[in-house]
Amino acid sequence: MKITVAGTEKGRQVTHVYDLFDKYDPETGISSMARTTGYTCTAVADLILNHKFSRRGICPPEYVGAEQNCLQQILSYLKERKVIYQYKLIKGKSI
């Protein structure tokens, strides 16, 4: 999976790129789909249970990502489970 976000940040063109390659884990028997989607859902549930995300109502993923530190906490939660995004910041131009 590749996520690319481009735009202006602090007056400069920047592009944030997140790359993920994940596969079936033979040690746990858990598929990549379960690891990448299920663990992400439980990471957000963890944020809610620990009062780190408290917005009420219907909340698309963009709302969680807009909250300070939520994205980093989700990525840390995933990394603990060996689901690792590679991140690259490109300054000065958009892709």
PDB file of N, CA and C in Angstrom:
ATOM      1  N   MET A   1       0.856  -1.156   0.000  1.00  0.00           N
ATOM      2  CA  MET A   1       0.000   0.000   0.000  1.00  0.00           C
ATOM      3  C   MET A   1       0.903   1.220   0.000  1.00  0.00           C
ATOM      4  N   LYS A   2       0.493   2.222  -0.728  1.00  0.00           N
ATOM      5  CA  LYS A   2       1.221   3.487  -0.762  1.00  0.00           C
ATOM      6  C   LYS A   2       0.224   4.608  -0.516  1.00  0.00           C
ATOM      7  N   ILE A   3       0.563   5.488   0.421  1.00  0.00           N
ATOM      8  CA  ILE A   3      -0.258   6.657   0.718  1.00  0.00           C
ATOM      9  C   ILE A   3       0.602   7.881   0.442  1.00  0.00           C
ATOM     10  N   THR A   4       0.124   8.757  -0.427  1.00  0.00           N
ATOM     11  CA  THR A   4       0.851   9.973  -0.768  1.00  0.00           C
ATOM     12  C   THR A   4      -0.036  11.172  -0.477  1.00  0.00           C
ATOM     13  N   VAL A   5       0.501  12.094   0.323  1.00  0.00           N
ATOM     14  CA  VAL A   5      -0.227  13.312   0.674  1.00  0.00           C
ATOM     15  C   VAL A   5       0.657  14.484   0.290  1.00  0.00           C
ATOM     16  N   ALA A   6       0.185  15.312  -0.638  1.00  0.00           N
ATOM     17  CA  ALA A   6       0.980  16.440  -1.111  1.00  0.00           C
ATOM     18  C   ALA A   6       0.220  17.737  -0.893  1.00  0.00           C
ATOM     19  N   GLY A   7       0.969  18.786  -0.606  1.00  0.00           N
ATOM     20  CA  GLY A   7       0.349  20.089  -0.429  1.00  0.00           C
ATOM     21  C   GLY A   7       1.338  21.099   0.126  1.00  0.00           C
ATOM     22  N   THR A   8       0.794  22.182   0.642  1.00  0.00           N
ATOM     23  CA  THR A   8       1.607  23.245   1.202  1.00  0.00           C
ATOM     24  C   THR A   8       1.602  23.131   2.723  1.00  0.00           C
ATOM     25  N   GLU A   9       2.792  23.173   3.292  1.00  0.00           N
ATOM     26  CA  GLU A   9       2.952  23.102   4.739  1.00  0.00           C
ATOM     27  C   GLU A   9       3.948  24.183   5.147  1.00  0.00           C
ATOM     28  N   LYS A  10       3.491  25.111   5.987  1.00  0.00           N
ATOM     29  CA  LYS A  10       4.341  26.237   6.429  1.00  0.00           C
ATOM     30  C   LYS A  10       4.919  26.997   5.233  1.00  0.00           C
ATOM     31  N   GLY A  11       4.091  27.162   4.204  1.00  0.00           N
ATOM     32  CA  GLY A  11       4.486  27.939   3.036  1.00  0.00           C
ATOM     33  C   GLY A  11       5.352  27.212   2.027  1.00  0.00           C
ATOM     34  N   ARG A  12       5.628  25.938   2.230  1.00  0.00           N
ATOM     35  CA  ARG A  12       6.460  25.168   1.303  1.00  0.00           C
ATOM     36  C   ARG A  12       5.701  23.968   0.771  1.00  0.00           C
ATOM     37  N   GLN A  13       5.993  23.597  -0.463  1.00  0.00           N
ATOM     38  CA  GLN A  13       5.414  22.385  -1.038  1.00  0.00           C
ATOM     39  C   GLN A  13       6.090  21.181  -0.388  1.00  0.00           C
ATOM     40  N   VAL A  14       5.293  20.260   0.087  1.00  0.00           N
ATOM     41  CA  VAL A  14       5.818  19.026   0.675  1.00  0.00           C
ATOM     42  C   VAL A  14       4.970  17.845   0.219  1.00  0.00           C
ATOM     43  N   THR A  15       5.588  16.684   0.251  1.00  0.00           N
ATOM     44  CA  THR A  15       4.878  15.446  -0.030  1.00  0.00           C
ATOM     45  C   THR A  15       5.259  14.438   1.049  1.00  0.00           C
ATOM     46  N   HIS A  16       4.255  13.869   1.686  1.00  0.00           N
ATOM     47  CA  HIS A  16       4.454  12.823   2.684  1.00  0.00           C
ATOM     48  C   HIS A  16       4.105  11.500   2.009  1.00  0.00           C
ATOM     49  N   VAL A  17       5.002  10.532   2.080  1.00  0.00           N
ATOM     50  CA  VAL A  17       4.779   9.237   1.441  1.00  0.00           C
ATOM     51  C   VAL A  17       4.927   8.131   2.491  1.00  0.00           C
ATOM     52  N   TYR A  18       3.893   7.309   2.597  1.00  0.00           N
ATOM     53  CA  TYR A  18       3.910   6.148   3.492  1.00  0.00           C
ATOM     54  C   TYR A  18       3.795   4.902   2.622  1.00  0.00           C
ATOM     55  N   ASP A  19       4.742   3.976   2.787  1.00  0.00           N
ATOM     56  CA  ASP A  19       4.718   2.711   2.055  1.00  0.00           C
ATOM     57  C   ASP A  19       4.577   1.564   3.045  1.00  0.00           C
ATOM     58  N   LEU A  20       3.765   0.578   2.683  1.00  0.00           N
ATOM     59  CA  LEU A  20       3.581  -0.597   3.520  1.00  0.00           C
ATOM     60  C   LEU A  20       3.575  -1.842   2.653  1.00  0.00           C
ATOM     61  N   PHE A  21       4.403  -2.799   3.034  1.00  0.00           N
ATOM     62  CA  PHE A  21       4.343  -4.126   2.450  1.00  0.00           C
ATOM     63  C   PHE A  21       4.212  -5.088   3.616  1.00  0.00           C
ATOM     64  N   ASP A  22       3.148  -5.861   3.651  1.00  0.00           N
ATOM     65  CA  ASP A  22       2.914  -6.804   4.737  1.00  0.00           C
ATOM     66  C   ASP A  22       2.449  -8.113   4.131  1.00  0.00           C
ATOM     67  N   LYS A  23       2.703  -9.202   4.835  1.00  0.00           N
ATOM     68  CA  LYS A  23       2.261 -10.504   4.341  1.00  0.00           C
ATOM     69  C   LYS A  23       1.849 -11.398   5.499  1.00  0.00           C
ATOM     70  N   TYR A  24       1.284 -12.512   5.166  1.00  0.00           N
ATOM     71  CA  TYR A  24       0.851 -13.524   6.126  1.00  0.00           C
ATOM     72  C   TYR A  24       1.963 -13.802   7.134  1.00  0.00           C
ATOM     73  N   ASP A  25       1.605 -13.896   8.414  1.00  0.00           N
ATOM     74  CA  ASP A  25       2.567 -14.196   9.468  1.00  0.00           C
ATOM     75  C   ASP A  25       2.424 -15.670   9.849  1.00  0.00           C
ATOM     76  N   PRO A  26       3.364 -16.517   9.417  1.00  0.00           N
ATOM     77  CA  PRO A  26       3.246 -17.943   9.704  1.00  0.00           C
ATOM     78  C   PRO A  26       3.369 -18.269  11.200  1.00  0.00           C
ATOM     79  N   GLU A  27       4.041 -17.400  11.965  1.00  0.00           N
ATOM     80  CA  GLU A  27       4.184 -17.638  13.410  1.00  0.00           C
ATOM     81  C   GLU A  27       2.844 -17.542  14.135  1.00  0.00           C
ATOM     82  N   THR A  28       2.016 -16.578  13.730  1.00  0.00           N
ATOM     83  CA  THR A  28       0.725 -16.359  14.403  1.00  0.00           C
ATOM     84  C   THR A  28      -0.445 -16.920  13.613  1.00  0.00           C
ATOM     85  N   GLY A  29      -0.223 -17.171  12.297  1.00  0.00           N
ATOM     86  CA  GLY A  29      -1.306 -17.635  11.439  1.00  0.00           C
ATOM     87  C   GLY A  29      -2.280 -16.534  11.067  1.00  0.00           C
ATOM     88  N   ILE A  30      -1.835 -15.278  11.193  1.00  0.00           N
ATOM     89  CA  ILE A  30      -2.710 -14.130  10.913  1.00  0.00           C
ATOM     90  C   ILE A  30      -2.382 -13.568   9.529  1.00  0.00           C
ATOM     91  N   SER A  31      -3.434 -13.399   8.708  1.00  0.00           N
ATOM     92  CA  SER A  31      -3.259 -12.890   7.343  1.00  0.00           C
ATOM     93  C   SER A  31      -2.869 -11.415   7.345  1.00  0.00           C
ATOM     94  N   SER A  32      -2.304 -10.989   6.237  1.00  0.00           N
ATOM     95  CA  SER A  32      -1.944  -9.586   6.078  1.00  0.00           C
ATOM     96  C   SER A  32      -3.171  -8.683   6.196  1.00  0.00           C
ATOM     97  N   MET A  33      -4.293  -9.107   5.608  1.00  0.00           N
ATOM     98  CA  MET A  33      -5.522  -8.304   5.673  1.00  0.00           C
ATOM     99  C   MET A  33      -5.947  -8.105   7.127  1.00  0.00           C
ATOM    100  N   ALA A  34      -5.914  -9.174   7.913  1.00  0.00           N
ATOM    101  CA  ALA A  34      -6.286  -9.066   9.325  1.00  0.00           C
ATOM    102  C   ALA A  34      -5.296  -8.189  10.080  1.00  0.00           C
ATOM    103  N   ARG A  35      -4.021  -8.320   9.769  1.00  0.00           N
ATOM    104  CA  ARG A  35      -2.987  -7.547  10.457  1.00  0.00           C
ATOM    105  C   ARG A  35      -3.115  -6.054  10.153  1.00  0.00           C
ATOM    106  N   THR A  36      -3.296  -5.725   8.877  1.00  0.00           N
ATOM    107  CA  THR A  36      -3.303  -4.306   8.498  1.00  0.00           C
ATOM    108  C   THR A  36      -4.619  -3.605   8.808  1.00  0.00           C
ATOM    109  N   THR A  37      -5.735  -4.316   8.715  1.00  0.00           N
ATOM    110  CA  THR A  37      -7.024  -3.675   9.016  1.00  0.00           C
ATOM    111  C   THR A  37      -7.452  -3.908  10.461  1.00  0.00           C
ATOM    112  N   GLY A  38      -7.340  -5.131  10.920  1.00  0.00           N
ATOM    113  CA  GLY A  38      -7.770  -5.450  12.276  1.00  0.00           C
ATOM    114  C   GLY A  38      -6.933  -4.749  13.330  1.00  0.00           C
ATOM    115  N   TYR A  39      -5.604  -4.781  13.162  1.00  0.00           N
ATOM    116  CA  TYR A  39      -4.746  -4.111  14.136  1.00  0.00           C
ATOM    117  C   TYR A  39      -4.967  -2.599  14.131  1.00  0.00           C
ATOM    118  N   THR A  40      -5.241  -2.036  12.964  1.00  0.00           N
ATOM    119  CA  THR A  40      -5.512  -0.601  12.903  1.00  0.00           C
ATOM    120  C   THR A  40      -6.795  -0.270  13.660  1.00  0.00           C
ATOM    121  N   CYS A  41      -7.811  -1.088  13.494  1.00  0.00           N
ATOM    122  CA  CYS A  41      -9.063  -0.878  14.235  1.00  0.00           C
ATOM    123  C   CYS A  41      -8.848  -0.990  15.737  1.00  0.00           C
ATOM    124  N   THR A  42      -8.065  -1.974  16.159  1.00  0.00           N
ATOM    125  CA  THR A  42      -7.820  -2.110  17.594  1.00  0.00           C
ATOM    126  C   THR A  42      -6.935  -0.983  18.119  1.00  0.00           C
ATOM    127  N   ALA A  43      -6.072  -0.430  17.269  1.00  0.00           N
ATOM    128  CA  ALA A  43      -5.262   0.722  17.676  1.00  0.00           C
ATOM    129  C   ALA A  43      -6.165   1.928  17.954  1.00  0.00           C
ATOM    130  N   VAL A  44      -7.165   2.133  17.105  1.00  0.00           N
ATOM    131  CA  VAL A  44      -8.107   3.245  17.317  1.00  0.00           C
ATOM    132  C   VAL A  44      -8.972   2.971  18.542  1.00  0.00           C
ATOM    133  N   ALA A  45      -9.406   1.730  18.718  1.00  0.00           N
ATOM    134  CA  ALA A  45     -10.174   1.380  19.922  1.00  0.00           C
ATOM    135  C   ALA A  45      -9.351   1.661  21.171  1.00  0.00           C
ATOM    136  N   ASP A  46      -8.062   1.362  21.105  1.00  0.00           N
ATOM    137  CA  ASP A  46      -7.157   1.646  22.219  1.00  0.00           C
ATOM    138  C   ASP A  46      -7.096   3.155  22.511  1.00  0.00           C
ATOM    139  N   LEU A  47      -7.052   3.958  21.466  1.00  0.00           N
ATOM    140  CA  LEU A  47      -7.063   5.418  21.646  1.00  0.00           C
ATOM    141  C   LEU A  47      -8.335   5.865  22.361  1.00  0.00           C
ATOM    142  N   ILE A  48      -9.460   5.313  21.963  1.00  0.00           N
ATOM    143  CA  ILE A  48     -10.750   5.677  22.565  1.00  0.00           C
ATOM    144  C   ILE A  48     -10.798   5.229  24.024  1.00  0.00           C
ATOM    145  N   LEU A  49     -10.421   3.986  24.275  1.00  0.00           N
ATOM    146  CA  LEU A  49     -10.464   3.445  25.635  1.00  0.00           C
ATOM    147  C   LEU A  49      -9.538   4.185  26.594  1.00  0.00           C
ATOM    148  N   ASN A  50      -8.436   4.709  26.064  1.00  0.00           N
ATOM    149  CA  ASN A  50      -7.476   5.440  26.892  1.00  0.00           C
ATOM    150  C   ASN A  50      -7.681   6.950  26.834  1.00  0.00           C
ATOM    151  N   HIS A  51      -8.852   7.369  26.339  1.00  0.00           N
ATOM    152  CA  HIS A  51      -9.260   8.787  26.299  1.00  0.00           C
ATOM    153  C   HIS A  51      -8.267   9.673  25.537  1.00  0.00           C
ATOM    154  N   LYS A  52      -7.662   9.117  24.490  1.00  0.00           N
ATOM    155  CA  LYS A  52      -6.751   9.887  23.647  1.00  0.00           C
ATOM    156  C   LYS A  52      -7.449  10.376  22.383  1.00  0.00           C
ATOM    157  N   PHE A  53      -8.648   9.852  22.133  1.00  0.00           N
ATOM    158  CA  PHE A  53      -9.520  10.321  21.047  1.00  0.00           C
ATOM    159  C   PHE A  53     -10.932  10.300  21.605  1.00  0.00           C
ATOM    160  N   SER A  54     -11.544  11.478  21.657  1.00  0.00           N
ATOM    161  CA  SER A  54     -12.839  11.558  22.343  1.00  0.00           C
ATOM    162  C   SER A  54     -13.957  12.177  21.507  1.00  0.00           C
ATOM    163  N   ARG A  55     -13.711  12.386  20.241  1.00  0.00           N
ATOM    164  CA  ARG A  55     -14.761  12.950  19.384  1.00  0.00           C
ATOM    165  C   ARG A  55     -15.957  12.002  19.355  1.00  0.00           C
ATOM    166  N   ARG A  56     -17.139  12.532  19.408  1.00  0.00           N
ATOM    167  CA  ARG A  56     -18.357  11.722  19.436  1.00  0.00           C
ATOM    168  C   ARG A  56     -19.024  11.694  18.066  1.00  0.00           C
ATOM    169  N   GLY A  57     -19.840  10.676  17.855  1.00  0.00           N
ATOM    170  CA  GLY A  57     -20.584  10.562  16.607  1.00  0.00           C
ATOM    171  C   GLY A  57     -19.848   9.711  15.593  1.00  0.00           C
ATOM    172  N   ILE A  58     -20.231   9.853  14.354  1.00  0.00           N
ATOM    173  CA  ILE A  58     -19.597   9.118  13.266  1.00  0.00           C
ATOM    174  C   ILE A  58     -18.257   9.783  12.974  1.00  0.00           C
ATOM    175  N   CYS A  59     -17.196   8.991  12.986  1.00  0.00           N
ATOM    176  CA  CYS A  59     -15.846   9.535  12.823  1.00  0.00           C
ATOM    177  C   CYS A  59     -15.086   8.780  11.740  1.00  0.00           C
ATOM    178  N   PRO A  60     -14.987   9.373  10.558  1.00  0.00           N
ATOM    179  CA  PRO A  60     -14.168   8.730   9.524  1.00  0.00           C
ATOM    180  C   PRO A  60     -12.693   8.802   9.934  1.00  0.00           C
ATOM    181  N   PRO A  61     -11.847   8.002   9.312  1.00  0.00           N
ATOM    182  CA  PRO A  61     -10.425   7.986   9.678  1.00  0.00           C
ATOM    183  C   PRO A  61      -9.761   9.365   9.656  1.00  0.00           C
ATOM    184  N   GLU A  62     -10.224  10.249   8.781  1.00  0.00           N
ATOM    185  CA  GLU A  62      -9.633  11.585   8.701  1.00  0.00           C
ATOM    186  C   GLU A  62      -9.747  12.334  10.022  1.00  0.00           C
ATOM    187  N   TYR A  63     -10.820  12.096  10.777  1.00  0.00           N
ATOM    188  CA  TYR A  63     -10.987  12.762  12.068  1.00  0.00           C
ATOM    189  C   TYR A  63      -9.940  12.275  13.070  1.00  0.00           C
ATOM    190  N   VAL A  64      -9.668  10.988  13.055  1.00  0.00           N
ATOM    191  CA  VAL A  64      -8.657  10.439  13.967  1.00  0.00           C
ATOM    192  C   VAL A  64      -7.283  11.005  13.603  1.00  0.00           C
ATOM    193  N   GLY A  65      -6.961  11.016  12.310  1.00  0.00           N
ATOM    194  CA  GLY A  65      -5.673  11.537  11.858  1.00  0.00           C
ATOM    195  C   GLY A  65      -5.484  13.020  12.112  1.00  0.00           C
ATOM    196  N   ALA A  66      -6.585  13.757  12.211  1.00  0.00           N
ATOM    197  CA  ALA A  66      -6.499  15.203  12.454  1.00  0.00           C
ATOM    198  C   ALA A  66      -6.153  15.534  13.909  1.00  0.00           C
ATOM    199  N   GLU A  67      -6.381  14.584  14.805  1.00  0.00           N
ATOM    200  CA  GLU A  67      -6.072  14.802  16.221  1.00  0.00           C
ATOM    201  C   GLU A  67      -4.566  14.687  16.449  1.00  0.00           C
ATOM    202  N   GLN A  68      -4.033  15.622  17.213  1.00  0.00           N
ATOM    203  CA  GLN A  68      -2.601  15.635  17.481  1.00  0.00           C
ATOM    204  C   GLN A  68      -2.147  14.312  18.100  1.00  0.00           C
ATOM    205  N   ASN A  69      -1.088  13.761  17.580  1.00  0.00           N
ATOM    206  CA  ASN A  69      -0.440  12.533  18.057  1.00  0.00           C
ATOM    207  C   ASN A  69      -1.182  11.227  17.770  1.00  0.00           C
ATOM    208  N   CYS A  70      -2.418  11.246  17.315  1.00  0.00           N
ATOM    209  CA  CYS A  70      -3.146   9.995  17.080  1.00  0.00           C
ATOM    210  C   CYS A  70      -2.483   9.144  16.000  1.00  0.00           C
ATOM    211  N   LEU A  71      -2.079   9.749  14.890  1.00  0.00           N
ATOM    212  CA  LEU A  71      -1.439   8.981  13.821  1.00  0.00           C
ATOM    213  C   LEU A  71      -0.183   8.301  14.336  1.00  0.00           C
ATOM    214  N   GLN A  72       0.653   9.046  15.062  1.00  0.00           N
ATOM    215  CA  GLN A  72       1.899   8.470  15.565  1.00  0.00           C
ATOM    216  C   GLN A  72       1.625   7.325  16.540  1.00  0.00           C
ATOM    217  N   GLN A  73       0.598   7.460  17.355  1.00  0.00           N
ATOM    218  CA  GLN A  73       0.261   6.392  18.300  1.00  0.00           C
ATOM    219  C   GLN A  73      -0.242   5.149  17.569  1.00  0.00           C
ATOM    220  N   ILE A  74      -1.001   5.347  16.503  1.00  0.00           N
ATOM    221  CA  ILE A  74      -1.470   4.204  15.708  1.00  0.00           C
ATOM    222  C   ILE A  74      -0.288   3.510  15.040  1.00  0.00           C
ATOM    223  N   LEU A  75       0.627   4.302  14.448  1.00  0.00           N
ATOM    224  CA  LEU A  75       1.800   3.710  13.795  1.00  0.00           C
ATOM    225  C   LEU A  75       2.675   2.966  14.802  1.00  0.00           C
ATOM    226  N   SER A  76       2.797   3.488  16.017  1.00  0.00           N
ATOM    227  CA  SER A  76       3.573   2.808  17.063  1.00  0.00           C
ATOM    228  C   SER A  76       2.906   1.494  17.469  1.00  0.00           C
ATOM    229  N   TYR A  77       1.585   1.525  17.599  1.00  0.00           N
ATOM    230  CA  TYR A  77       0.808   0.323  17.937  1.00  0.00           C
ATOM    231  C   TYR A  77       1.028  -0.752  16.878  1.00  0.00           C
ATOM    232  N   LEU A  78       0.978  -0.344  15.604  1.00  0.00           N
ATOM    233  CA  LEU A  78       1.191  -1.292  14.509  1.00  0.00           C
ATOM    234  C   LEU A  78       2.620  -1.822  14.493  1.00  0.00           C
ATOM    235  N   LYS A  79       3.575  -0.937  14.736  1.00  0.00           N
ATOM    236  CA  LYS A  79       4.984  -1.347  14.731  1.00  0.00           C
ATOM    237  C   LYS A  79       5.248  -2.408  15.794  1.00  0.00           C
ATOM    238  N   GLU A  80       4.614  -2.279  16.959  1.00  0.00           N
ATOM    239  CA  GLU A  80       4.758  -3.286  18.017  1.00  0.00           C
ATOM    240  C   GLU A  80       4.296  -4.660  17.538  1.00  0.00           C
ATOM    241  N   ARG A  81       3.407  -4.669  16.544  1.00  0.00           N
ATOM    242  CA  ARG A  81       2.867  -5.911  15.994  1.00  0.00           C
ATOM    243  C   ARG A  81       3.499  -6.263  14.642  1.00  0.00           C
ATOM    244  N   LYS A  82       4.607  -5.606  14.356  1.00  0.00           N
ATOM    245  CA  LYS A  82       5.410  -5.843  13.144  1.00  0.00           C
ATOM    246  C   LYS A  82       4.685  -5.488  11.853  1.00  0.00           C
ATOM    247  N   VAL A  83       3.805  -4.501  11.916  1.00  0.00           N
ATOM    248  CA  VAL A  83       3.202  -3.906  10.721  1.00  0.00           C
ATOM    249  C   VAL A  83       3.866  -2.532  10.618  1.00  0.00           C
ATOM    250  N   ILE A  84       4.822  -2.409   9.687  1.00  0.00           N
ATOM    251  CA  ILE A  84       5.698  -1.243   9.678  1.00  0.00           C
ATOM    252  C   ILE A  84       5.564  -0.447   8.380  1.00  0.00           C
ATOM    253  N   TYR A  85       5.187   0.815   8.544  1.00  0.00           N
ATOM    254  CA  TYR A  85       5.128   1.745   7.425  1.00  0.00           C
ATOM    255  C   TYR A  85       6.491   2.404   7.269  1.00  0.00           C
ATOM    256  N   GLN A  86       6.941   2.520   6.020  1.00  0.00           N
ATOM    257  CA  GLN A  86       8.139   3.292   5.714  1.00  0.00           C
ATOM    258  C   GLN A  86       7.668   4.701   5.363  1.00  0.00           C
ATOM    259  N   TYR A  87       8.299   5.714   5.942  1.00  0.00           N
ATOM    260  CA  TYR A  87       7.873   7.099   5.741  1.00  0.00           C
ATOM    261  C   TYR A  87       8.981   7.890   5.061  1.00  0.00           C
ATOM    262  N   LYS A  88       8.562   8.751   4.123  1.00  0.00           N
ATOM    263  CA  LYS A  88       9.505   9.637   3.453  1.00  0.00           C
ATOM    264  C   LYS A  88       8.850  11.006   3.295  1.00  0.00           C
ATOM    265  N   LEU A  89       9.610  12.048   3.617  1.00  0.00           N
ATOM    266  CA  LEU A  89       9.152  13.422   3.433  1.00  0.00           C
ATOM    267  C   LEU A  89       9.953  14.025   2.294  1.00  0.00           C
ATOM    268  N   ILE A  90       9.249  14.555   1.296  1.00  0.00           N
ATOM    269  CA  ILE A  90       9.879  15.200   0.155  1.00  0.00           C
ATOM    270  C   ILE A  90       9.555  16.678   0.236  1.00  0.00           C
ATOM    271  N   LYS A  91      10.552  17.503   0.397  1.00  0.00           N
ATOM    272  CA  LYS A  91      10.356  18.956   0.525  1.00  0.00           C
ATOM    273  C   LYS A  91      10.614  19.649  -0.808  1.00  0.00           C
ATOM    274  N   GLY A  92       9.849  20.709  -1.039  1.00  0.00           N
ATOM    275  CA  GLY A  92      10.106  21.553  -2.183  1.00  0.00           C
ATOM    276  C   GLY A  92       9.388  21.195  -3.465  1.00  0.00           C
ATOM    277  N   LYS A  93       8.729  20.046  -3.509  1.00  0.00           N
ATOM    278  CA  LYS A  93       7.989  19.693  -4.717  1.00  0.00           C
ATOM    279  C   LYS A  93       6.897  18.704  -4.376  1.00  0.00           C
ATOM    280  N   SER A  94       5.933  18.622  -5.228  1.00  0.00           N
ATOM    281  CA  SER A  94       4.869  17.642  -5.082  1.00  0.00           C
ATOM    282  C   SER A  94       5.037  16.552  -6.105  1.00  0.00           C
ATOM    283  N   ILE A  95       4.626  15.373  -5.753  1.00  0.00           N
ATOM    284  CA  ILE A  95       4.700  14.247  -6.700  1.00  0.00           C
ATOM    285  C   ILE A  95       3.465  14.246  -7.569  1.00  0.00           C
TER     286      ILE A  95
END
